[in-house]
Amino acid sequence: MSECVNLAACPFVKYCNEHDAETSVKGFITMYCKGDRKDSCIRLKLCTQFSKAVVPKTMMPNGLPLPGTNKDDWSEEAKNYRRVLA
């Protein structure tokens, strides 16, 4: 399976690498960015429909915030991704 087209420049991946994210979070990178769940990545869908600017670095590929973070500073599109991607 091919990697996500945004993998090399993905703010989520960079954030996880810089902050030595826990193994379970890095599993998301394996499953979504390098694996068979790439097409269900909320981050990629938001980037495609809107722009990279609306996708926060602390949003995991499943649309939830990284553990220890929250949605307070997320764009409205990111906070409401279920509605805007429907």
PDB file of N, CA and C in Angstrom:
ATOM      1  N   MET A   1       0.854  -1.190   0.000  1.00  0.00           N
ATOM      2  CA  MET A   1       0.000   0.000   0.000  1.00  0.00           C
ATOM      3  C   MET A   1       0.890   1.240   0.000  1.00  0.00           C
ATOM      4  N   SER A   2       0.485   2.248  -0.713  1.00  0.00           N
ATOM      5  CA  SER A   2       1.251   3.478  -0.786  1.00  0.00           C
ATOM      6  C   SER A   2       1.005   4.354   0.433  1.00  0.00           C
ATOM      7  N   GLU A   3       1.950   5.222   0.690  1.00  0.00           N
ATOM      8  CA  GLU A   3       1.824   6.156   1.810  1.00  0.00           C
ATOM      9  C   GLU A   3       0.961   7.340   1.413  1.00  0.00           C
ATOM     10  N   CYS A   4       0.455   8.029   2.413  1.00  0.00           N
ATOM     11  CA  CYS A   4      -0.329   9.235   2.191  1.00  0.00           C
ATOM     12  C   CYS A   4       0.523  10.274   1.461  1.00  0.00           C
ATOM     13  N   VAL A   5      -0.095  10.990   0.556  1.00  0.00           N
ATOM     14  CA  VAL A   5       0.620  12.018  -0.198  1.00  0.00           C
ATOM     15  C   VAL A   5       1.107  13.154   0.701  1.00  0.00           C
ATOM     16  N   ASN A   6       0.477  13.321   1.852  1.00  0.00           N
ATOM     17  CA  ASN A   6       0.855  14.390   2.784  1.00  0.00           C
ATOM     18  C   ASN A   6       1.809  13.933   3.882  1.00  0.00           C
ATOM     19  N   LEU A   7       2.216  12.676   3.871  1.00  0.00           N
ATOM     20  CA  LEU A   7       2.995  12.119   4.979  1.00  0.00           C
ATOM     21  C   LEU A   7       4.245  12.926   5.301  1.00  0.00           C
ATOM     22  N   ALA A   8       5.040  13.250   4.315  1.00  0.00           N
ATOM     23  CA  ALA A   8       6.315  13.927   4.560  1.00  0.00           C
ATOM     24  C   ALA A   8       6.145  15.310   5.187  1.00  0.00           C
ATOM     25  N   ALA A   9       5.049  15.975   4.886  1.00  0.00           N
ATOM     26  CA  ALA A   9       4.834  17.335   5.395  1.00  0.00           C
ATOM     27  C   ALA A   9       3.695  17.414   6.414  1.00  0.00           C
ATOM     28  N   CYS A  10       3.213  16.291   6.884  1.00  0.00           N
ATOM     29  CA  CYS A  10       2.052  16.274   7.773  1.00  0.00           C
ATOM     30  C   CYS A  10       2.388  16.849   9.157  1.00  0.00           C
ATOM     31  N   PRO A  11       1.687  17.896   9.568  1.00  0.00           N
ATOM     32  CA  PRO A  11       1.929  18.491  10.883  1.00  0.00           C
ATOM     33  C   PRO A  11       1.666  17.519  12.035  1.00  0.00           C
ATOM     34  N   PHE A  12       0.702  16.611  11.879  1.00  0.00           N
ATOM     35  CA  PHE A  12       0.423  15.612  12.918  1.00  0.00           C
ATOM     36  C   PHE A  12       1.626  14.691  13.110  1.00  0.00           C
ATOM     37  N   VAL A  13       2.180  14.191  12.020  1.00  0.00           N
ATOM     38  CA  VAL A  13       3.334  13.292  12.090  1.00  0.00           C
ATOM     39  C   VAL A  13       4.529  14.027  12.690  1.00  0.00           C
ATOM     40  N   LYS A  14       4.758  15.250  12.242  1.00  0.00           N
ATOM     41  CA  LYS A  14       5.865  16.038  12.791  1.00  0.00           C
ATOM     42  C   LYS A  14       5.677  16.290  14.282  1.00  0.00           C
ATOM     43  N   TYR A  15       4.462  16.640  14.688  1.00  0.00           N
ATOM     44  CA  TYR A  15       4.164  16.892  16.093  1.00  0.00           C
ATOM     45  C   TYR A  15       4.425  15.638  16.930  1.00  0.00           C
ATOM     46  N   CYS A  16       3.971  14.500  16.455  1.00  0.00           N
ATOM     47  CA  CYS A  16       4.188  13.245  17.177  1.00  0.00           C
ATOM     48  C   CYS A  16       5.673  12.920  17.298  1.00  0.00           C
ATOM     49  N   ASN A  17       6.411  13.122  16.231  1.00  0.00           N
ATOM     50  CA  ASN A  17       7.850  12.850  16.270  1.00  0.00           C
ATOM     51  C   ASN A  17       8.585  13.813  17.202  1.00  0.00           C
ATOM     52  N   GLU A  18       8.207  15.074  17.184  1.00  0.00           N
ATOM     53  CA  GLU A  18       8.857  16.075  18.035  1.00  0.00           C
ATOM     54  C   GLU A  18       8.547  15.866  19.513  1.00  0.00           C
ATOM     55  N   HIS A  19       7.336  15.402  19.807  1.00  0.00           N
ATOM     56  CA  HIS A  19       6.922  15.243  21.197  1.00  0.00           C
ATOM     57  C   HIS A  19       6.986  13.797  21.671  1.00  0.00           C
ATOM     58  N   ASP A  20       7.657  12.964  20.892  1.00  0.00           N
ATOM     59  CA  ASP A  20       7.842  11.563  21.263  1.00  0.00           C
ATOM     60  C   ASP A  20       6.530  10.945  21.731  1.00  0.00           C
ATOM     61  N   ALA A  21       5.544  11.025  20.880  1.00  0.00           N
ATOM     62  CA  ALA A  21       4.201  10.533  21.197  1.00  0.00           C
ATOM     63  C   ALA A  21       4.238   9.064  21.596  1.00  0.00           C
ATOM     64  N   GLU A  22       3.271   8.698  22.417  1.00  0.00           N
ATOM     65  CA  GLU A  22       3.197   7.321  22.887  1.00  0.00           C
ATOM     66  C   GLU A  22       3.002   6.360  21.726  1.00  0.00           C
ATOM     67  N   THR A  23       3.365   5.141  21.953  1.00  0.00           N
ATOM     68  CA  THR A  23       3.316   4.113  20.919  1.00  0.00           C
ATOM     69  C   THR A  23       1.927   3.960  20.312  1.00  0.00           C
ATOM     70  N   SER A  24       0.894   4.060  21.131  1.00  0.00           N
ATOM     71  CA  SER A  24      -0.461   3.897  20.600  1.00  0.00           C
ATOM     72  C   SER A  24      -0.804   4.986  19.587  1.00  0.00           C
ATOM     73  N   VAL A  25      -0.342   6.201  19.818  1.00  0.00           N
ATOM     74  CA  VAL A  25      -0.586   7.291  18.863  1.00  0.00           C
ATOM     75  C   VAL A  25       0.199   7.044  17.584  1.00  0.00           C
ATOM     76  N   LYS A  26       1.425   6.586  17.707  1.00  0.00           N
ATOM     77  CA  LYS A  26       2.221   6.300  16.516  1.00  0.00           C
ATOM     78  C   LYS A  26       1.607   5.163  15.701  1.00  0.00           C
ATOM     79  N   GLY A  27       0.802   4.331  16.350  1.00  0.00           N
ATOM     80  CA  GLY A  27       0.086   3.284  15.634  1.00  0.00           C
ATOM     81  C   GLY A  27      -0.896   3.860  14.621  1.00  0.00           C
ATOM     82  N   PHE A  28      -1.431   5.058  14.931  1.00  0.00           N
ATOM     83  CA  PHE A  28      -2.318   5.725  13.978  1.00  0.00           C
ATOM     84  C   PHE A  28      -1.565   6.057  12.698  1.00  0.00           C
ATOM     85  N   ILE A  29      -0.322   6.461  12.823  1.00  0.00           N
ATOM     86  CA  ILE A  29       0.501   6.774  11.652  1.00  0.00           C
ATOM     87  C   ILE A  29       0.680   5.524  10.803  1.00  0.00           C
ATOM     88  N   THR A  30       0.935   4.410  11.459  1.00  0.00           N
ATOM     89  CA  THR A  30       1.102   3.151  10.737  1.00  0.00           C
ATOM     90  C   THR A  30      -0.190   2.738  10.042  1.00  0.00           C
ATOM     91  N   MET A  31      -1.312   2.850  10.740  1.00  0.00           N
ATOM     92  CA  MET A  31      -2.592   2.411  10.173  1.00  0.00           C
ATOM     93  C   MET A  31      -3.136   3.349   9.102  1.00  0.00           C
ATOM     94  N   TYR A  32      -3.080   4.650   9.367  1.00  0.00           N
ATOM     95  CA  TYR A  32      -3.702   5.620   8.461  1.00  0.00           C
ATOM     96  C   TYR A  32      -2.735   6.163   7.414  1.00  0.00           C
ATOM     97  N   CYS A  33      -1.563   6.601   7.835  1.00  0.00           N
ATOM     98  CA  CYS A  33      -0.638   7.288   6.922  1.00  0.00           C
ATOM     99  C   CYS A  33       0.139   6.321   6.036  1.00  0.00           C
ATOM    100  N   LYS A  34       0.352   5.128   6.548  1.00  0.00           N
ATOM    101  CA  LYS A  34       1.141   4.144   5.807  1.00  0.00           C
ATOM    102  C   LYS A  34       0.367   2.864   5.550  1.00  0.00           C
ATOM    103  N   GLY A  35      -0.890   2.815   5.945  1.00  0.00           N
ATOM    104  CA  GLY A  35      -1.631   1.567   5.866  1.00  0.00           C
ATOM    105  C   GLY A  35      -2.942   1.642   5.115  1.00  0.00           C
ATOM    106  N   ASP A  36      -3.773   0.660   5.376  1.00  0.00           N
ATOM    107  CA  ASP A  36      -5.002   0.506   4.604  1.00  0.00           C
ATOM    108  C   ASP A  36      -6.147   1.418   5.037  1.00  0.00           C
ATOM    109  N   ARG A  37      -5.961   2.223   6.063  1.00  0.00           N
ATOM    110  CA  ARG A  37      -7.011   3.166   6.484  1.00  0.00           C
ATOM    111  C   ARG A  37      -6.793   4.579   5.926  1.00  0.00           C
ATOM    112  N   LYS A  38      -5.864   4.715   5.026  1.00  0.00           N
ATOM    113  CA  LYS A  38      -5.536   6.025   4.461  1.00  0.00           C
ATOM    114  C   LYS A  38      -6.756   6.749   3.909  1.00  0.00           C
ATOM    115  N   ASP A  39      -7.617   6.034   3.230  1.00  0.00           N
ATOM    116  CA  ASP A  39      -8.783   6.659   2.606  1.00  0.00           C
ATOM    117  C   ASP A  39      -9.851   7.084   3.609  1.00  0.00           C
ATOM    118  N   SER A  40      -9.736   6.661   4.854  1.00  0.00           N
ATOM    119  CA  SER A  40     -10.706   7.076   5.869  1.00  0.00           C
ATOM    120  C   SER A  40     -10.125   8.123   6.822  1.00  0.00           C
ATOM    121  N   CYS A  41      -8.981   8.673   6.498  1.00  0.00           N
ATOM    122  CA  CYS A  41      -8.317   9.676   7.340  1.00  0.00           C
ATOM    123  C   CYS A  41      -9.085  11.006   7.286  1.00  0.00           C
ATOM    124  N   ILE A  42      -9.562  11.437   8.437  1.00  0.00           N
ATOM    125  CA  ILE A  42     -10.295  12.700   8.536  1.00  0.00           C
ATOM    126  C   ILE A  42      -9.388  13.868   8.172  1.00  0.00           C
ATOM    127  N   ARG A  43      -8.149  13.823   8.580  1.00  0.00           N
ATOM    128  CA  ARG A  43      -7.185  14.887   8.270  1.00  0.00           C
ATOM    129  C   ARG A  43      -7.069  15.067   6.752  1.00  0.00           C
ATOM    130  N   LEU A  44      -6.884  13.958   6.053  1.00  0.00           N
ATOM    131  CA  LEU A  44      -6.724  14.007   4.597  1.00  0.00           C
ATOM    132  C   LEU A  44      -7.996  14.522   3.923  1.00  0.00           C
ATOM    133  N   LYS A  45      -9.155  14.076   4.419  1.00  0.00           N
ATOM    134  CA  LYS A  45     -10.422  14.534   3.853  1.00  0.00           C
ATOM    135  C   LYS A  45     -10.603  16.039   4.041  1.00  0.00           C
ATOM    136  N   LEU A  46     -10.269  16.551   5.223  1.00  0.00           N
ATOM    137  CA  LEU A  46     -10.382  17.997   5.465  1.00  0.00           C
ATOM    138  C   LEU A  46      -9.409  18.775   4.589  1.00  0.00           C
ATOM    139  N   CYS A  47      -8.184  18.277   4.460  1.00  0.00           N
ATOM    140  CA  CYS A  47      -7.193  18.935   3.591  1.00  0.00           C
ATOM    141  C   CYS A  47      -7.678  18.993   2.155  1.00  0.00           C
ATOM    142  N   THR A  48      -8.258  17.906   1.701  1.00  0.00           N
ATOM    143  CA  THR A  48      -8.727  17.820   0.318  1.00  0.00           C
ATOM    144  C   THR A  48      -9.912  18.740   0.072  1.00  0.00           C
ATOM    145  N   GLN A  49     -10.859  18.754   1.006  1.00  0.00           N
ATOM    146  CA  GLN A  49     -12.070  19.555   0.804  1.00  0.00           C
ATOM    147  C   GLN A  49     -11.853  21.040   1.078  1.00  0.00           C
ATOM    148  N   PHE A  50     -11.016  21.364   2.049  1.00  0.00           N
ATOM    149  CA  PHE A  50     -10.810  22.763   2.421  1.00  0.00           C
ATOM    150  C   PHE A  50      -9.374  23.180   2.127  1.00  0.00           C
ATOM    151  N   SER A  51      -8.506  23.008   3.083  1.00  0.00           N
ATOM    152  CA  SER A  51      -7.078  23.282   2.908  1.00  0.00           C
ATOM    153  C   SER A  51      -6.343  22.757   4.125  1.00  0.00           C
ATOM    154  N   LYS A  52      -5.042  22.692   4.018  1.00  0.00           N
ATOM    155  CA  LYS A  52      -4.238  22.237   5.154  1.00  0.00           C
ATOM    156  C   LYS A  52      -4.382  23.171   6.345  1.00  0.00           C
ATOM    157  N   ALA A  53      -4.705  24.418   6.078  1.00  0.00           N
ATOM    158  CA  ALA A  53      -4.801  25.418   7.144  1.00  0.00           C
ATOM    159  C   ALA A  53      -5.911  25.119   8.145  1.00  0.00           C
ATOM    160  N   VAL A  54      -6.943  24.379   7.752  1.00  0.00           N
ATOM    161  CA  VAL A  54      -8.055  24.112   8.672  1.00  0.00           C
ATOM    162  C   VAL A  54      -7.805  22.885   9.547  1.00  0.00           C
ATOM    163  N   VAL A  55      -6.760  22.129   9.262  1.00  0.00           N
ATOM    164  CA  VAL A  55      -6.499  20.883   9.983  1.00  0.00           C
ATOM    165  C   VAL A  55      -5.451  21.109  11.069  1.00  0.00           C
ATOM    166  N   PRO A  56      -5.837  20.992  12.337  1.00  0.00           N
ATOM    167  CA  PRO A  56      -4.896  21.226  13.422  1.00  0.00           C
ATOM    168  C   PRO A  56      -3.871  20.098  13.563  1.00  0.00           C
ATOM    169  N   LYS A  57      -2.685  20.444  13.992  1.00  0.00           N
ATOM    170  CA  LYS A  57      -1.638  19.433  14.142  1.00  0.00           C
ATOM    171  C   LYS A  57      -1.965  18.428  15.236  1.00  0.00           C
ATOM    172  N   THR A  58      -2.846  18.779  16.143  1.00  0.00           N
ATOM    173  CA  THR A  58      -3.197  17.869  17.239  1.00  0.00           C
ATOM    174  C   THR A  58      -4.409  16.994  16.936  1.00  0.00           C
ATOM    175  N   MET A  59      -4.901  17.031  15.702  1.00  0.00           N
ATOM    176  CA  MET A  59      -6.007  16.154  15.302  1.00  0.00           C
ATOM    177  C   MET A  59      -5.431  14.838  14.799  1.00  0.00           C
ATOM    178  N   MET A  60      -5.884  13.744  15.404  1.00  0.00           N
ATOM    179  CA  MET A  60      -5.444  12.432  14.948  1.00  0.00           C
ATOM    180  C   MET A  60      -6.194  12.069  13.663  1.00  0.00           C
ATOM    181  N   PRO A  61      -5.711  11.091  12.926  1.00  0.00           N
ATOM    182  CA  PRO A  61      -6.380  10.706  11.681  1.00  0.00           C
ATOM    183  C   PRO A  61      -7.839  10.292  11.836  1.00  0.00           C
ATOM    184  N   ASN A  62      -8.234   9.885  13.036  1.00  0.00           N
ATOM    185  CA  ASN A  62      -9.629   9.493  13.261  1.00  0.00           C
ATOM    186  C   ASN A  62     -10.506  10.677  13.647  1.00  0.00           C
ATOM    187  N   GLY A  63      -9.938  11.883  13.704  1.00  0.00           N
ATOM    188  CA  GLY A  63     -10.691  13.094  13.993  1.00  0.00           C
ATOM    189  C   GLY A  63     -10.702  13.515  15.445  1.00  0.00           C
ATOM    190  N   LEU A  64     -10.170  12.703  16.324  1.00  0.00           N
ATOM    191  CA  LEU A  64     -10.123  13.043  17.744  1.00  0.00           C
ATOM    192  C   LEU A  64      -8.840  13.805  18.077  1.00  0.00           C
ATOM    193  N   PRO A  65      -8.852  14.590  19.158  1.00  0.00           N
ATOM    194  CA  PRO A  65      -7.631  15.280  19.550  1.00  0.00           C
ATOM    195  C   PRO A  65      -6.627  14.307  20.172  1.00  0.00           C
ATOM    196  N   LEU A  66      -5.357  14.618  19.992  1.00  0.00           N
ATOM    197  CA  LEU A  66      -4.313  13.827  20.644  1.00  0.00           C
ATOM    198  C   LEU A  66      -4.555  13.809  22.147  1.00  0.00           C
ATOM    199  N   PRO A  67      -4.238  12.713  22.818  1.00  0.00           N
ATOM    200  CA  PRO A  67      -4.374  12.682  24.278  1.00  0.00           C
ATOM    201  C   PRO A  67      -3.623  13.847  24.917  1.00  0.00           C
ATOM    202  N   GLY A  68      -4.270  14.492  25.857  1.00  0.00           N
ATOM    203  CA  GLY A  68      -3.659  15.626  26.543  1.00  0.00           C
ATOM    204  C   GLY A  68      -3.889  16.958  25.857  1.00  0.00           C
ATOM    205  N   THR A  69      -4.608  16.948  24.719  1.00  0.00           N
ATOM    206  CA  THR A  69      -4.926  18.189  24.018  1.00  0.00           C
ATOM    207  C   THR A  69      -6.445  18.297  23.903  1.00  0.00           C
ATOM    208  N   ASN A  70      -6.919  19.420  23.386  1.00  0.00           N
ATOM    209  CA  ASN A  70      -8.364  19.585  23.189  1.00  0.00           C
ATOM    210  C   ASN A  70      -8.633  20.323  21.889  1.00  0.00           C
ATOM    211  N   LYS A  71      -9.898  20.560  21.609  1.00  0.00           N
ATOM    212  CA  LYS A  71     -10.317  21.180  20.351  1.00  0.00           C
ATOM    213  C   LYS A  71     -10.466  22.693  20.435  1.00  0.00           C
ATOM    214  N   ASP A  72     -10.118  23.305  21.542  1.00  0.00           N
ATOM    215  CA  ASP A  72     -10.376  24.728  21.749  1.00  0.00           C
ATOM    216  C   ASP A  72      -9.859  25.634  20.634  1.00  0.00           C
ATOM    217  N   ASP A  73      -8.679  25.372  20.125  1.00  0.00           N
ATOM    218  CA  ASP A  73      -8.110  26.253  19.107  1.00  0.00           C
ATOM    219  C   ASP A  73      -8.258  25.706  17.682  1.00  0.00           C
ATOM    220  N   TRP A  74      -9.092  24.693  17.488  1.00  0.00           N
ATOM    221  CA  TRP A  74      -9.312  24.116  16.168  1.00  0.00           C
ATOM    222  C   TRP A  74     -10.223  25.010  15.336  1.00  0.00           C
ATOM    223  N   SER A  75     -10.086  24.938  14.032  1.00  0.00           N
ATOM    224  CA  SER A  75     -10.986  25.646  13.127  1.00  0.00           C
ATOM    225  C   SER A  75     -12.391  25.061  13.274  1.00  0.00           C
ATOM    226  N   GLU A  76     -13.386  25.823  12.853  1.00  0.00           N
ATOM    227  CA  GLU A  76     -14.766  25.338  12.926  1.00  0.00           C
ATOM    228  C   GLU A  76     -14.954  24.094  12.056  1.00  0.00           C
ATOM    229  N   GLU A  77     -14.295  24.045  10.909  1.00  0.00           N
ATOM    230  CA  GLU A  77     -14.394  22.872  10.036  1.00  0.00           C
ATOM    231  C   GLU A  77     -13.859  21.631  10.743  1.00  0.00           C
ATOM    232  N   ALA A  78     -12.751  21.783  11.452  1.00  0.00           N
ATOM    233  CA  ALA A  78     -12.164  20.650  12.166  1.00  0.00           C
ATOM    234  C   ALA A  78     -13.038  20.228  13.347  1.00  0.00           C
ATOM    235  N   LYS A  79     -13.534  21.195  14.098  1.00  0.00           N
ATOM    236  CA  LYS A  79     -14.403  20.873  15.237  1.00  0.00           C
ATOM    237  C   LYS A  79     -15.669  20.153  14.802  1.00  0.00           C
ATOM    238  N   ASN A  80     -16.164  20.503  13.638  1.00  0.00           N
ATOM    239  CA  ASN A  80     -17.422  19.962  13.134  1.00  0.00           C
ATOM    240  C   ASN A  80     -17.216  19.084  11.907  1.00  0.00           C
ATOM    241  N   TYR A  81     -16.133  18.318  11.885  1.00  0.00           N
ATOM    242  CA  TYR A  81     -15.798  17.565  10.685  1.00  0.00           C
ATOM    243  C   TYR A  81     -16.897  16.586  10.262  1.00  0.00           C
ATOM    244  N   ARG A  82     -17.625  16.027  11.199  1.00  0.00           N
ATOM    245  CA  ARG A  82     -18.693  15.092  10.819  1.00  0.00           C
ATOM    246  C   ARG A  82     -19.762  15.786   9.965  1.00  0.00           C
ATOM    247  N   ARG A  83     -20.066  17.010  10.352  1.00  0.00           N
ATOM    248  CA  ARG A  83     -21.094  17.755   9.632  1.00  0.00           C
ATOM    249  C   ARG A  83     -20.563  18.268   8.292  1.00  0.00           C
ATOM    250  N   VAL A  84     -19.362  18.805   8.266  1.00  0.00           N
ATOM    251  CA  VAL A  84     -18.864  19.427   7.038  1.00  0.00           C
ATOM    252  C   VAL A  84     -18.411  18.394   5.998  1.00  0.00           C
ATOM    253  N   LEU A  85     -18.130  17.181   6.432  1.00  0.00           N
ATOM    254  CA  LEU A  85     -17.714  16.144   5.479  1.00  0.00           C
ATOM    255  C   LEU A  85     -18.861  15.234   5.075  1.00  0.00           C
ATOM    256  N   ALA A  86     -20.030  15.471   5.636  1.00  0.00           N
ATOM    257  CA  ALA A  86     -21.186  14.610   5.338  1.00  0.00           C
ATOM    258  C   ALA A  86     -21.678  14.768   3.921  1.00  0.00           C
TER     259      ALA A  86
END
